[in-house]
Amino acid sequence: MAEVYLTPEGKKELEDKLSYLKNVRLTEIAELISEARAQGDLSENAEYDAAKELQAKTAYEIAELEATLKNAIVIENNAADDNTVTVGATVMLRNVTRKKDVEYQIVGATEADPFKGRISNNSPVGAGLIGHRVGETVEIVTPGGPVKFKITGIRR
């Protein structure tokens, strides 16, 4: 698995989810399996099959979370250069093409949520902004066509 960028909050959220799955959810699933076993013949027991499938999905999710956390690089917001776009920065932009001001936090793909203004460093806009400085205008090819952004500010 490749490196995964996480904010400190995002890392804690994943750690909390992993803890919940391991300590609470797996216990709940074990109880479901036990109850289904008590019903008798397992070969025709839909509840048992569903509980075993849920157990497998949860085990997979736990493995994914563990791999993500193992490869996590926590984004430090104390970069010396506050004028350059980096992962973790919140970037204030003027969409020159649409004459609209927008603001995005550049995060790793795991935490990306465009509806909350959090875009992945691997997305066309995120990748296109990385390394550029306040005052620069950057043209980025997006799925909807080329868009020009002027970087008006950066916040950490």
Protein backbone atom coordinates (compact mmCIF):
# COMPACT_ATOMS: atom_id res chain seq x y z
CA MET A 1 0.00 0.00 0.00
CA ALA A 2 1.24 3.48 -0.86
CA GLU A 3 1.75 6.34 1.56
CA VAL A 4 -1.47 7.86 2.89
CA TYR A 5 -1.64 11.48 4.03
CA LEU A 6 -3.81 12.11 7.09
CA THR A 7 -4.51 15.11 9.25
CA PRO A 8 -4.03 14.47 12.99
CA GLU A 9 -7.82 14.52 13.33
CA GLY A 10 -8.24 12.08 10.44
CA LYS A 11 -5.72 9.68 11.97
CA LYS A 12 -7.54 9.78 15.31
CA GLU A 13 -10.86 9.17 13.57
CA LEU A 14 -9.46 6.07 11.83
CA GLU A 15 -7.88 4.84 15.08
CA ASP A 16 -11.23 5.27 16.87
CA LYS A 17 -13.05 3.40 14.11
CA LEU A 18 -10.50 0.58 14.24
CA SER A 19 -10.87 0.35 18.01
CA TYR A 20 -14.67 0.23 17.69
CA LEU A 21 -14.55 -2.50 15.07
CA LYS A 22 -12.10 -4.63 17.07
CA ASN A 23 -13.54 -4.12 20.54
CA VAL A 24 -17.28 -3.66 19.97
CA ARG A 25 -18.36 -4.76 16.51
CA LEU A 26 -16.52 -8.09 16.46
CA THR A 27 -18.08 -8.95 19.85
CA GLU A 28 -21.53 -8.10 18.50
CA ILE A 29 -20.93 -10.28 15.45
CA ALA A 30 -19.71 -13.17 17.60
CA GLU A 31 -22.98 -12.96 19.54
CA LEU A 32 -24.96 -13.02 16.27
CA ILE A 33 -23.05 -16.13 15.16
CA SER A 34 -23.64 -17.79 18.52
CA GLU A 35 -27.37 -17.05 18.38
CA ALA A 36 -27.58 -18.37 14.81
CA ARG A 37 -25.72 -21.56 15.78
CA ALA A 38 -28.23 -22.14 18.57
CA GLN A 39 -31.00 -22.35 15.95
CA GLY A 40 -29.72 -25.70 14.73
CA ASP A 41 -28.82 -26.88 11.21
CA LEU A 42 -26.17 -24.48 9.84
CA SER A 43 -26.50 -25.67 6.24
CA GLU A 44 -29.85 -23.91 5.82
CA ASN A 45 -29.40 -21.13 8.35
CA ALA A 46 -29.61 -17.72 6.63
CA GLU A 47 -28.88 -15.83 9.87
CA TYR A 48 -25.68 -17.81 10.33
CA ASP A 49 -24.57 -17.16 6.73
CA ALA A 50 -25.34 -13.43 7.07
CA ALA A 51 -23.42 -13.19 10.36
CA LYS A 52 -20.39 -15.00 8.89
CA GLU A 53 -20.47 -12.69 5.88
CA LEU A 54 -20.63 -9.67 8.18
CA GLN A 55 -17.70 -11.09 10.14
CA ALA A 56 -15.64 -11.43 6.94
CA LYS A 57 -16.50 -7.88 5.80
CA THR A 58 -15.57 -6.49 9.20
CA ALA A 59 -12.27 -8.41 9.22
CA TYR A 60 -11.50 -6.96 5.78
CA GLU A 61 -12.32 -3.45 6.97
CA ILE A 62 -10.07 -3.92 10.01
CA ALA A 63 -7.21 -5.07 7.77
CA GLU A 64 -7.71 -2.06 5.47
CA LEU A 65 -7.70 0.38 8.40
CA GLU A 66 -4.58 -1.22 9.87
CA ALA A 67 -2.79 -0.98 6.51
CA THR A 68 -3.86 2.64 6.10
CA LEU A 69 -2.64 3.58 9.57
CA LYS A 70 0.62 1.67 9.07
CA ASN A 71 1.35 3.70 5.93
CA ALA A 72 0.01 7.01 7.25
CA ILE A 73 2.01 10.19 7.07
CA VAL A 74 0.51 12.70 9.46
CA ILE A 75 0.27 16.15 7.92
CA GLU A 76 2.12 18.68 10.04
CA ASN A 77 0.70 22.17 9.71
CA ASN A 78 3.83 23.95 10.83
CA ALA A 79 5.49 24.30 7.44
CA ALA A 80 8.08 27.06 7.33
CA ASP A 81 6.80 28.47 4.02
CA ASP A 82 3.23 29.73 4.40
CA ASN A 83 3.17 30.96 0.80
CA THR A 84 3.41 27.55 -0.93
CA VAL A 85 0.57 25.06 -1.33
CA THR A 86 1.31 21.76 0.43
CA VAL A 87 -0.77 18.84 1.68
CA GLY A 88 -2.62 20.03 4.77
CA ALA A 89 -2.90 23.64 3.67
CA THR A 90 -6.20 25.43 3.22
CA VAL A 91 -6.01 27.35 -0.04
CA MET A 92 -8.11 30.39 -0.88
CA LEU A 93 -8.65 30.63 -4.62
CA ARG A 94 -10.30 32.82 -7.19
CA ASN A 95 -11.79 30.64 -9.91
CA VAL A 96 -10.90 33.00 -12.74
CA THR A 97 -12.87 30.93 -15.26
CA ARG A 98 -16.14 31.15 -13.31
CA LYS A 99 -15.36 34.41 -11.44
CA LYS A 100 -16.02 32.76 -8.09
CA ASP A 101 -14.04 32.53 -4.83
CA VAL A 102 -13.50 29.05 -3.43
CA GLU A 103 -11.57 27.54 -0.55
CA TYR A 104 -10.16 24.01 -0.32
CA GLN A 105 -8.13 22.11 2.23
CA ILE A 106 -5.67 19.78 0.49
CA VAL A 107 -5.80 16.40 2.26
CA GLY A 108 -4.95 12.79 1.52
CA ALA A 109 -7.42 10.70 -0.47
CA THR A 110 -8.69 8.97 2.67
CA GLU A 111 -10.09 12.21 4.10
CA ALA A 112 -11.22 13.86 0.86
CA ASP A 113 -14.78 15.17 0.90
CA PRO A 114 -15.43 17.80 -1.78
CA PHE A 115 -18.78 18.70 -0.19
CA LYS A 116 -16.86 19.82 2.91
CA GLY A 117 -14.17 21.65 0.90
CA ARG A 118 -11.57 18.90 1.42
CA ILE A 119 -9.93 17.74 -1.80
CA SER A 120 -7.37 15.01 -2.33
CA ASN A 121 -3.79 15.83 -3.14
CA ASN A 122 -4.24 13.28 -5.96
CA SER A 123 -7.25 15.01 -7.51
CA PRO A 124 -6.67 17.17 -10.60
CA VAL A 125 -7.17 20.42 -8.64
CA GLY A 126 -5.24 19.26 -5.55
CA ALA A 127 -2.30 17.94 -7.54
CA GLY A 128 -2.35 21.01 -9.79
CA LEU A 129 -2.09 23.40 -6.84
CA ILE A 130 0.69 21.62 -4.90
CA GLY A 131 3.94 23.57 -5.01
CA HIS A 132 2.42 26.80 -6.32
CA ARG A 133 2.57 30.07 -4.40
CA VAL A 134 0.25 32.88 -3.33
CA GLY A 135 -0.35 35.24 -6.26
CA GLU A 136 0.17 32.62 -8.97
CA THR A 137 -2.52 31.73 -11.49
CA VAL A 138 -2.66 28.04 -12.30
CA GLU A 139 -4.55 26.42 -15.17
CA ILE A 140 -5.75 22.94 -14.26
CA VAL A 141 -7.37 20.43 -16.59
CA THR A 142 -10.41 19.06 -14.77
CA PRO A 143 -12.98 16.49 -15.97
CA GLY A 144 -15.18 19.49 -16.88
CA GLY A 145 -12.42 21.15 -18.89
CA PRO A 146 -9.58 23.56 -18.12
CA VAL A 147 -10.07 25.93 -15.17
CA LYS A 148 -7.87 28.85 -14.11
CA PHE A 149 -7.35 29.47 -10.39
CA LYS A 150 -5.55 32.41 -8.81
CA ILE A 151 -4.12 31.53 -5.39
CA THR A 152 -5.17 34.38 -3.11
CA GLY A 153 -4.13 32.97 0.25
CA ILE A 154 -2.94 29.96 2.22
CA ARG A 155 -3.82 29.03 5.78
CA ARG A 156 -2.32 26.26 7.88
